[in-house]
Amino acid sequence: MAETSVLLQGSGLGATVRRDPWWLAPLGTALGLGAFIVYSTWAAFQNAYFEYGPYLSPFYSPNLSSVFPWWKLSPAFLILWAPAGFRATCYYYRKAYYRAYFLDPPACAVSESSGRRYKGETAFPFILQNLHRYFFYIAVIFIFILAYDAINAFSFEEGFGIGVGSLVLTINVILLSCYTFGCHSLRHLIGGKLDCFTCPGAQPRHTLWKGVTRLNENHMLWAWCSLFWVGFSDVYVRLCAMGIWQDLRMF
């Protein structure tokens, strides 16, 4: 390890003794996040085809157009700042886009560019990462809103029913819940300040902490699955509303 550190010190961006294709992970992250950002921005600007029957795209939920009639832009922009802020300040996503876009560093044991002063997250705009815990509180509210949408997705004009879209929106809120409730901030909120898990009154919090920890152990998995599925949910509702896809009813 000491020899590796000497070799990498001052050797420039991308210098490494690794022989595996280490660049695949940051490249895949850059392409995946980039594709989602481009699509979600495009979808938010459309201001159309976000409702189909009892289905409402999660990009537009809750639909606040009737609450703020003076708002002339897409109602998606009234709410997307919240989930976007939650993900942008997420501990996992920080590592992901720091490596993929800022190459800081590109990967483990891979050198970053020389001559940069390390400031951590103490300077603007990165100091805003400290708002993550507050975005978490807002994200929890959206989980309940999307859960309502998922329940409503089983309510058709003729009564209770099950369509493919019903399952799509239900899976969406499940994946988002696993991602949100596996958040590092929630794990700290529940058990981070406890010095004794076996003391009287601490057992319920310890049980909750273990549950959050199980989700947190796969936080990266939930982050990517929920990101993909929330985008797919919008695609499904949009294509059904456009008449390109037909929503199949199973009941």
C-alpha atoms as a PDB file:
ATOM      1  CA  MET A   1       0.000   0.000   0.000  1.00  0.00           C
ATOM      2  CA  ALA A   2       2.851   2.390   0.782  1.00  0.00           C
ATOM      3  CA  GLU A   3       4.416   1.747  -2.614  1.00  0.00           C
ATOM      4  CA  THR A   4       1.071   2.333  -4.321  1.00  0.00           C
ATOM      5  CA  SER A   5       0.648   5.655  -2.531  1.00  0.00           C
ATOM      6  CA  VAL A   6       4.113   6.783  -3.637  1.00  0.00           C
ATOM      7  CA  LEU A   7       3.399   5.806  -7.240  1.00  0.00           C
ATOM      8  CA  LEU A   8       0.113   7.700  -7.317  1.00  0.00           C
ATOM      9  CA  GLN A   9       1.270  10.821  -5.516  1.00  0.00           C
ATOM     10  CA  GLY A  10       1.473  13.656  -8.029  1.00  0.00           C
ATOM     11  CA  SER A  11       1.147  11.305 -10.998  1.00  0.00           C
ATOM     12  CA  GLY A  12      -1.933  12.965 -12.504  1.00  0.00           C
ATOM     13  CA  LEU A  13      -5.517  12.122 -13.251  1.00  0.00           C
ATOM     14  CA  GLY A  14      -6.274   8.432 -13.769  1.00  0.00           C
ATOM     15  CA  ALA A  15      -2.898   7.098 -12.662  1.00  0.00           C
ATOM     16  CA  THR A  16      -3.229   3.712 -10.995  1.00  0.00           C
ATOM     17  CA  VAL A  17      -1.630   0.301 -10.649  1.00  0.00           C
ATOM     18  CA  ARG A  18      -5.022  -1.366 -10.988  1.00  0.00           C
ATOM     19  CA  ARG A  19      -5.320  -3.658 -13.999  1.00  0.00           C
ATOM     20  CA  ASP A  20      -9.080  -4.237 -13.899  1.00  0.00           C
ATOM     21  CA  PRO A  21     -11.494  -2.109 -16.005  1.00  0.00           C
ATOM     22  CA  TRP A  22     -12.082   0.312 -13.115  1.00  0.00           C
ATOM     23  CA  TRP A  23     -13.489   2.962 -15.473  1.00  0.00           C
ATOM     24  CA  LEU A  24     -16.610   0.906 -16.230  1.00  0.00           C
ATOM     25  CA  ALA A  25     -18.302   1.783 -12.926  1.00  0.00           C
ATOM     26  CA  PRO A  26     -17.951   5.593 -13.187  1.00  0.00           C
ATOM     27  CA  LEU A  27     -18.820   5.454 -16.893  1.00  0.00           C
ATOM     28  CA  GLY A  28     -21.972   3.436 -16.228  1.00  0.00           C
ATOM     29  CA  THR A  29     -22.927   5.793 -13.404  1.00  0.00           C
ATOM     30  CA  ALA A  30     -22.422   8.852 -15.611  1.00  0.00           C
ATOM     31  CA  LEU A  31     -24.519   7.384 -18.414  1.00  0.00           C
ATOM     32  CA  GLY A  32     -27.271   6.130 -16.093  1.00  0.00           C
ATOM     33  CA  LEU A  33     -27.647   9.337 -14.108  1.00  0.00           C
ATOM     34  CA  GLY A  34     -27.290  11.435 -17.245  1.00  0.00           C
ATOM     35  CA  ALA A  35     -30.035   9.524 -19.048  1.00  0.00           C
ATOM     36  CA  PHE A  36     -32.414   9.920 -16.104  1.00  0.00           C
ATOM     37  CA  ILE A  37     -31.686  13.646 -15.720  1.00  0.00           C
ATOM     38  CA  VAL A  38     -32.250  14.296 -19.432  1.00  0.00           C
ATOM     39  CA  TYR A  39     -35.479  12.278 -19.559  1.00  0.00           C
ATOM     40  CA  SER A  40     -36.968  13.616 -16.319  1.00  0.00           C
ATOM     41  CA  THR A  41     -36.224  17.213 -17.360  1.00  0.00           C
ATOM     42  CA  TRP A  42     -37.839  16.618 -20.755  1.00  0.00           C
ATOM     43  CA  ALA A  43     -40.870  14.924 -19.159  1.00  0.00           C
ATOM     44  CA  ALA A  44     -41.319  17.748 -16.653  1.00  0.00           C
ATOM     45  CA  PHE A  45     -41.373  20.366 -19.430  1.00  0.00           C
ATOM     46  CA  GLN A  46     -44.059  18.497 -21.403  1.00  0.00           C
ATOM     47  CA  ASN A  47     -46.932  19.349 -19.077  1.00  0.00           C
ATOM     48  CA  ALA A  48     -49.036  16.739 -20.863  1.00  0.00           C
ATOM     49  CA  TYR A  49     -49.855  13.035 -20.850  1.00  0.00           C
ATOM     50  CA  PHE A  50     -49.152  12.609 -17.130  1.00  0.00           C
ATOM     51  CA  GLU A  51     -52.578  11.200 -16.259  1.00  0.00           C
ATOM     52  CA  TYR A  52     -54.396   8.165 -17.544  1.00  0.00           C
ATOM     53  CA  GLY A  53     -57.566   6.980 -15.838  1.00  0.00           C
ATOM     54  CA  PRO A  54     -56.704   6.555 -12.145  1.00  0.00           C
ATOM     55  CA  TYR A  55     -52.970   6.693 -12.893  1.00  0.00           C
ATOM     56  CA  LEU A  56     -50.885   9.779 -12.137  1.00  0.00           C
ATOM     57  CA  SER A  57     -47.210  10.030 -13.064  1.00  0.00           C
ATOM     58  CA  PRO A  58     -44.988  10.326  -9.970  1.00  0.00           C
ATOM     59  CA  PHE A  59     -43.215  13.229 -11.688  1.00  0.00           C
ATOM     60  CA  TYR A  60     -46.437  15.236 -11.316  1.00  0.00           C
ATOM     61  CA  SER A  61     -47.652  13.976  -7.943  1.00  0.00           C
ATOM     62  CA  PRO A  62     -49.206  15.766  -6.215  1.00  0.00           C
ATOM     63  CA  ASN A  63     -50.691  17.741  -9.093  1.00  0.00           C
ATOM     64  CA  LEU A  64     -50.719  21.284  -7.693  1.00  0.00           C
ATOM     65  CA  SER A  65     -51.970  23.024 -10.832  1.00  0.00           C
ATOM     66  CA  SER A  66     -55.398  23.575  -9.289  1.00  0.00           C
ATOM     67  CA  VAL A  67     -53.895  24.768  -5.995  1.00  0.00           C
ATOM     68  CA  PHE A  68     -51.706  27.391  -7.692  1.00  0.00           C
ATOM     69  CA  PRO A  69     -53.694  28.518 -10.755  1.00  0.00           C
ATOM     70  CA  TRP A  70     -51.289  31.428 -11.268  1.00  0.00           C
ATOM     71  CA  TRP A  71     -48.466  28.966 -12.034  1.00  0.00           C
ATOM     72  CA  LYS A  72     -48.014  28.982 -15.807  1.00  0.00           C
ATOM     73  CA  LEU A  73     -45.229  26.412 -16.102  1.00  0.00           C
ATOM     74  CA  SER A  74     -45.520  22.667 -15.764  1.00  0.00           C
ATOM     75  CA  PRO A  75     -46.816  21.670 -12.299  1.00  0.00           C
ATOM     76  CA  ALA A  76     -43.982  19.134 -12.163  1.00  0.00           C
ATOM     77  CA  PHE A  77     -41.580  21.945 -11.290  1.00  0.00           C
ATOM     78  CA  LEU A  78     -43.579  22.708  -8.150  1.00  0.00           C
ATOM     79  CA  ILE A  79     -42.630  19.366  -6.608  1.00  0.00           C
ATOM     80  CA  LEU A  80     -39.609  17.869  -8.409  1.00  0.00           C
ATOM     81  CA  TRP A  81     -37.166  20.055  -6.462  1.00  0.00           C
ATOM     82  CA  ALA A  82     -37.887  17.975  -3.346  1.00  0.00           C
ATOM     83  CA  PRO A  83     -37.024  14.449  -4.593  1.00  0.00           C
ATOM     84  CA  ALA A  84     -34.219  15.928  -6.698  1.00  0.00           C
ATOM     85  CA  GLY A  85     -32.731  17.599  -3.625  1.00  0.00           C
ATOM     86  CA  PHE A  86     -33.080  14.395  -1.603  1.00  0.00           C
ATOM     87  CA  ARG A  87     -31.205  12.337  -4.179  1.00  0.00           C
ATOM     88  CA  ALA A  88     -28.615  14.991  -4.996  1.00  0.00           C
ATOM     89  CA  THR A  89     -27.590  15.232  -1.332  1.00  0.00           C
ATOM     90  CA  CYS A  90     -27.856  11.473  -0.668  1.00  0.00           C
ATOM     91  CA  TYR A  91     -24.632   9.970   0.718  1.00  0.00           C
ATOM     92  CA  TYR A  92     -24.551   7.272  -1.938  1.00  0.00           C
ATOM     93  CA  TYR A  93     -25.284   9.611  -4.840  1.00  0.00           C
ATOM     94  CA  ARG A  94     -22.604  12.019  -3.657  1.00  0.00           C
ATOM     95  CA  LYS A  95     -20.006   9.298  -4.043  1.00  0.00           C
ATOM     96  CA  ALA A  96     -21.526   8.263  -7.372  1.00  0.00           C
ATOM     97  CA  TYR A  97     -21.518  11.629  -9.103  1.00  0.00           C
ATOM     98  CA  TYR A  98     -18.326  12.882  -7.448  1.00  0.00           C
ATOM     99  CA  ARG A  99     -16.585   9.962  -9.132  1.00  0.00           C
ATOM    100  CA  ALA A 100     -18.540   9.910 -12.386  1.00  0.00           C
ATOM    101  CA  TYR A 101     -18.659  13.640 -13.176  1.00  0.00           C
ATOM    102  CA  PHE A 102     -16.010  15.324 -11.034  1.00  0.00           C
ATOM    103  CA  LEU A 103     -13.478  12.447 -11.125  1.00  0.00           C
ATOM    104  CA  ASP A 104     -12.812  13.193  -7.472  1.00  0.00           C
ATOM    105  CA  PRO A 105     -11.427  10.535  -7.395  1.00  0.00           C
ATOM    106  CA  PRO A 106     -12.464   8.455 -10.441  1.00  0.00           C
ATOM    107  CA  ALA A 107     -12.312   5.211  -8.413  1.00  0.00           C
ATOM    108  CA  CYS A 108     -10.605   3.585  -5.456  1.00  0.00           C
ATOM    109  CA  ALA A 109      -6.802   3.655  -5.771  1.00  0.00           C
ATOM    110  CA  VAL A 110      -7.063   5.841  -8.896  1.00  0.00           C
ATOM    111  CA  SER A 111      -5.430   9.252  -8.820  1.00  0.00           C
ATOM    112  CA  GLU A 112      -7.366  12.473  -9.261  1.00  0.00           C
ATOM    113  CA  SER A 113      -5.978  15.600 -10.887  1.00  0.00           C
ATOM    114  CA  SER A 114      -3.113  17.224  -9.032  1.00  0.00           C
ATOM    115  CA  GLY A 115      -2.952  20.753  -7.726  1.00  0.00           C
ATOM    116  CA  ARG A 116      -6.440  20.799  -6.208  1.00  0.00           C
ATOM    117  CA  ARG A 117      -7.011  22.052  -2.690  1.00  0.00           C
ATOM    118  CA  TYR A 118      -9.243  19.799  -0.641  1.00  0.00           C
ATOM    119  CA  LYS A 119     -12.087  21.679   0.996  1.00  0.00           C
ATOM    120  CA  GLY A 120     -14.457  18.793   1.600  1.00  0.00           C
ATOM    121  CA  GLU A 121     -18.042  20.024   1.730  1.00  0.00           C
ATOM    122  CA  THR A 122     -17.323  23.267   3.551  1.00  0.00           C
ATOM    123  CA  ALA A 123     -17.454  25.599   0.534  1.00  0.00           C
ATOM    124  CA  PHE A 124     -20.385  26.588  -1.677  1.00  0.00           C
ATOM    125  CA  PRO A 125     -22.180  24.847  -3.304  1.00  0.00           C
ATOM    126  CA  PHE A 126     -21.168  21.589  -1.622  1.00  0.00           C
ATOM    127  CA  ILE A 127     -21.944  22.913   1.833  1.00  0.00           C
ATOM    128  CA  LEU A 128     -25.602  22.561   0.801  1.00  0.00           C
ATOM    129  CA  GLN A 129     -25.131  18.789   1.109  1.00  0.00           C
ATOM    130  CA  ASN A 130     -25.770  19.309   4.820  1.00  0.00           C
ATOM    131  CA  LEU A 131     -29.436  19.889   3.978  1.00  0.00           C
ATOM    132  CA  HIS A 132     -29.871  16.178   3.282  1.00  0.00           C
ATOM    133  CA  ARG A 133     -31.582  15.434   6.600  1.00  0.00           C
ATOM    134  CA  TYR A 134     -34.178  18.118   5.881  1.00  0.00           C
ATOM    135  CA  PHE A 135     -34.810  16.816   2.376  1.00  0.00           C
ATOM    136  CA  PHE A 136     -35.375  13.429   4.024  1.00  0.00           C
ATOM    137  CA  TYR A 137     -38.267  14.819   6.055  1.00  0.00           C
ATOM    138  CA  ILE A 138     -39.879  16.122   2.860  1.00  0.00           C
ATOM    139  CA  ALA A 139     -39.205  12.846   1.032  1.00  0.00           C
ATOM    140  CA  VAL A 140     -41.169  10.936   3.676  1.00  0.00           C
ATOM    141  CA  ILE A 141     -44.209  13.121   2.930  1.00  0.00           C
ATOM    142  CA  PHE A 142     -43.942  12.203  -0.738  1.00  0.00           C
ATOM    143  CA  ILE A 143     -43.903   8.506   0.150  1.00  0.00           C
ATOM    144  CA  PHE A 144     -47.366   8.871   1.677  1.00  0.00           C
ATOM    145  CA  ILE A 145     -48.569  10.900  -1.309  1.00  0.00           C
ATOM    146  CA  LEU A 146     -47.348   8.262  -3.759  1.00  0.00           C
ATOM    147  CA  ALA A 147     -48.852   5.537  -1.577  1.00  0.00           C
ATOM    148  CA  TYR A 148     -52.199   7.292  -1.945  1.00  0.00           C
ATOM    149  CA  ASP A 149     -51.678   7.387  -5.722  1.00  0.00           C
ATOM    150  CA  ALA A 150     -50.895   3.664  -5.720  1.00  0.00           C
ATOM    151  CA  ILE A 151     -54.081   2.874  -3.789  1.00  0.00           C
ATOM    152  CA  ASN A 152     -56.091   5.151  -6.082  1.00  0.00           C
ATOM    153  CA  ALA A 153     -54.631   3.288  -9.081  1.00  0.00           C
ATOM    154  CA  PHE A 154     -56.898   0.349  -8.197  1.00  0.00           C
ATOM    155  CA  SER A 155     -60.031   2.496  -8.356  1.00  0.00           C
ATOM    156  CA  PHE A 156     -61.570   2.622 -11.842  1.00  0.00           C
ATOM    157  CA  GLU A 157     -64.844   4.164 -13.017  1.00  0.00           C
ATOM    158  CA  GLU A 158     -66.633   0.843 -12.620  1.00  0.00           C
ATOM    159  CA  GLY A 159     -65.084   0.163  -9.212  1.00  0.00           C
ATOM    160  CA  PHE A 160     -62.137  -1.793  -7.891  1.00  0.00           C
ATOM    161  CA  GLY A 161     -59.817  -3.246 -10.494  1.00  0.00           C
ATOM    162  CA  ILE A 162     -56.253  -4.263 -11.164  1.00  0.00           C
ATOM    163  CA  GLY A 163     -54.399  -3.028 -14.200  1.00  0.00           C
ATOM    164  CA  VAL A 164     -50.757  -3.250 -15.131  1.00  0.00           C
ATOM    165  CA  GLY A 165     -50.487   0.418 -14.243  1.00  0.00           C
ATOM    166  CA  SER A 166     -51.828  -0.347 -10.763  1.00  0.00           C
ATOM    167  CA  LEU A 167     -48.935  -2.738 -10.208  1.00  0.00           C
ATOM    168  CA  VAL A 168     -46.409  -0.349 -11.771  1.00  0.00           C
ATOM    169  CA  LEU A 169     -47.340   2.461  -9.361  1.00  0.00           C
ATOM    170  CA  THR A 170     -47.459   0.061  -6.399  1.00  0.00           C
ATOM    171  CA  ILE A 171     -43.980  -1.284  -7.121  1.00  0.00           C
ATOM    172  CA  ASN A 172     -42.833   2.315  -7.517  1.00  0.00           C
ATOM    173  CA  VAL A 173     -43.851   3.324  -3.994  1.00  0.00           C
ATOM    174  CA  ILE A 174     -42.387   0.114  -2.537  1.00  0.00           C
ATOM    175  CA  LEU A 175     -38.984   0.722  -4.130  1.00  0.00           C
ATOM    176  CA  LEU A 176     -39.011   4.400  -3.174  1.00  0.00           C
ATOM    177  CA  SER A 177     -39.912   3.425   0.405  1.00  0.00           C
ATOM    178  CA  CYS A 178     -37.003   0.974   0.587  1.00  0.00           C
ATOM    179  CA  TYR A 179     -34.669   3.686  -0.667  1.00  0.00           C
ATOM    180  CA  THR A 180     -36.058   6.443   1.542  1.00  0.00           C
ATOM    181  CA  PHE A 181     -36.354   4.420   4.756  1.00  0.00           C
ATOM    182  CA  GLY A 182     -32.869   3.005   4.267  1.00  0.00           C
ATOM    183  CA  CYS A 183     -31.481   6.544   4.368  1.00  0.00           C
ATOM    184  CA  HIS A 184     -28.373   7.165   6.471  1.00  0.00           C
ATOM    185  CA  SER A 185     -30.100  10.174   8.050  1.00  0.00           C
ATOM    186  CA  LEU A 186     -32.985   8.048   9.292  1.00  0.00           C
ATOM    187  CA  ARG A 187     -30.562   5.448  10.650  1.00  0.00           C
ATOM    188  CA  HIS A 188     -28.790   8.162  12.625  1.00  0.00           C
ATOM    189  CA  LEU A 189     -32.061   9.762  13.704  1.00  0.00           C
ATOM    190  CA  ILE A 190     -33.295   6.483  15.199  1.00  0.00           C
ATOM    191  CA  GLY A 191     -30.171   5.093  16.801  1.00  0.00           C
ATOM    192  CA  GLY A 192     -27.282   7.440  16.217  1.00  0.00           C
ATOM    193  CA  LYS A 193     -27.532   9.201  19.567  1.00  0.00           C
ATOM    194  CA  LEU A 194     -27.985   6.098  21.693  1.00  0.00           C
ATOM    195  CA  ASP A 195     -25.038   4.996  23.814  1.00  0.00           C
ATOM    196  CA  CYS A 196     -26.775   1.907  25.140  1.00  0.00           C
ATOM    197  CA  PHE A 197     -29.118  -0.334  23.152  1.00  0.00           C
ATOM    198  CA  THR A 198     -29.843  -2.586  26.134  1.00  0.00           C
ATOM    199  CA  CYS A 199     -30.848   0.184  28.522  1.00  0.00           C
ATOM    200  CA  PRO A 200     -34.526   0.501  29.554  1.00  0.00           C
ATOM    201  CA  GLY A 201     -36.599   2.154  26.834  1.00  0.00           C
ATOM    202  CA  ALA A 202     -33.953   1.726  24.146  1.00  0.00           C
ATOM    203  CA  GLN A 203     -35.091  -1.659  22.827  1.00  0.00           C
ATOM    204  CA  PRO A 204     -37.854  -0.357  20.497  1.00  0.00           C
ATOM    205  CA  ARG A 205     -35.430   2.121  18.914  1.00  0.00           C
ATOM    206  CA  HIS A 206     -32.820  -0.616  18.619  1.00  0.00           C
ATOM    207  CA  THR A 207     -35.335  -2.809  16.763  1.00  0.00           C
ATOM    208  CA  LEU A 208     -36.181   0.031  14.381  1.00  0.00           C
ATOM    209  CA  TRP A 209     -32.489   0.791  13.914  1.00  0.00           C
ATOM    210  CA  LYS A 210     -31.805  -2.809  12.898  1.00  0.00           C
ATOM    211  CA  GLY A 211     -34.648  -2.649  10.369  1.00  0.00           C
ATOM    212  CA  VAL A 212     -33.313   0.555   8.824  1.00  0.00           C
ATOM    213  CA  THR A 213     -29.820  -0.939   8.830  1.00  0.00           C
ATOM    214  CA  ARG A 214     -31.006  -3.923   6.758  1.00  0.00           C
ATOM    215  CA  LEU A 215     -32.339  -1.521   4.148  1.00  0.00           C
ATOM    216  CA  ASN A 216     -29.247   0.668   4.427  1.00  0.00           C
ATOM    217  CA  GLU A 217     -26.955  -2.278   3.663  1.00  0.00           C
ATOM    218  CA  ASN A 218     -28.437  -2.317   0.131  1.00  0.00           C
ATOM    219  CA  HIS A 219     -28.853   1.435  -0.195  1.00  0.00           C
ATOM    220  CA  MET A 220     -27.105   1.548  -3.563  1.00  0.00           C
ATOM    221  CA  LEU A 221     -29.389  -1.182  -4.930  1.00  0.00           C
ATOM    222  CA  TRP A 222     -32.537   0.593  -3.744  1.00  0.00           C
ATOM    223  CA  ALA A 223     -31.202   3.904  -5.097  1.00  0.00           C
ATOM    224  CA  TRP A 224     -30.798   2.554  -8.629  1.00  0.00           C
ATOM    225  CA  CYS A 225     -33.922   0.365  -8.675  1.00  0.00           C
ATOM    226  CA  SER A 226     -36.128   3.209  -7.431  1.00  0.00           C
ATOM    227  CA  LEU A 227     -34.519   5.672  -9.850  1.00  0.00           C
ATOM    228  CA  PHE A 228     -35.168   3.391 -12.807  1.00  0.00           C
ATOM    229  CA  TRP A 229     -38.698   2.501 -11.724  1.00  0.00           C
ATOM    230  CA  VAL A 230     -39.872   6.043 -11.039  1.00  0.00           C
ATOM    231  CA  GLY A 231     -38.759   6.922 -14.561  1.00  0.00           C
ATOM    232  CA  PHE A 232     -40.456   3.844 -15.975  1.00  0.00           C
ATOM    233  CA  SER A 233     -43.655   4.741 -14.106  1.00  0.00           C
ATOM    234  CA  ASP A 234     -43.765   8.076 -15.901  1.00  0.00           C
ATOM    235  CA  VAL A 235     -43.045   6.359 -19.229  1.00  0.00           C
ATOM    236  CA  TYR A 236     -45.863   3.865 -18.641  1.00  0.00           C
ATOM    237  CA  VAL A 237     -48.478   6.488 -17.760  1.00  0.00           C
ATOM    238  CA  ARG A 238     -47.295   8.759 -20.578  1.00  0.00           C
ATOM    239  CA  LEU A 239     -47.446   6.088 -23.296  1.00  0.00           C
ATOM    240  CA  CYS A 240     -50.858   4.892 -22.119  1.00  0.00           C
ATOM    241  CA  ALA A 241     -52.168   8.478 -22.170  1.00  0.00           C
ATOM    242  CA  MET A 242     -50.760   8.916 -25.678  1.00  0.00           C
ATOM    243  CA  GLY A 243     -52.495   5.741 -26.859  1.00  0.00           C
ATOM    244  CA  ILE A 244     -49.210   4.020 -27.708  1.00  0.00           C
ATOM    245  CA  TRP A 245     -49.538   1.404 -24.958  1.00  0.00           C
ATOM    246  CA  GLN A 246     -52.743  -0.233 -23.830  1.00  0.00           C
ATOM    247  CA  ASP A 247     -53.188  -0.772 -20.118  1.00  0.00           C
ATOM    248  CA  LEU A 248     -54.083  -4.409 -19.582  1.00  0.00           C
ATOM    249  CA  ARG A 249     -56.724  -5.106 -16.959  1.00  0.00           C
ATOM    250  CA  MET A 250     -56.218  -8.270 -14.943  1.00  0.00           C
ATOM    251  CA  PHE A 251     -59.318  -7.785 -12.834  1.00  0.00           C
END
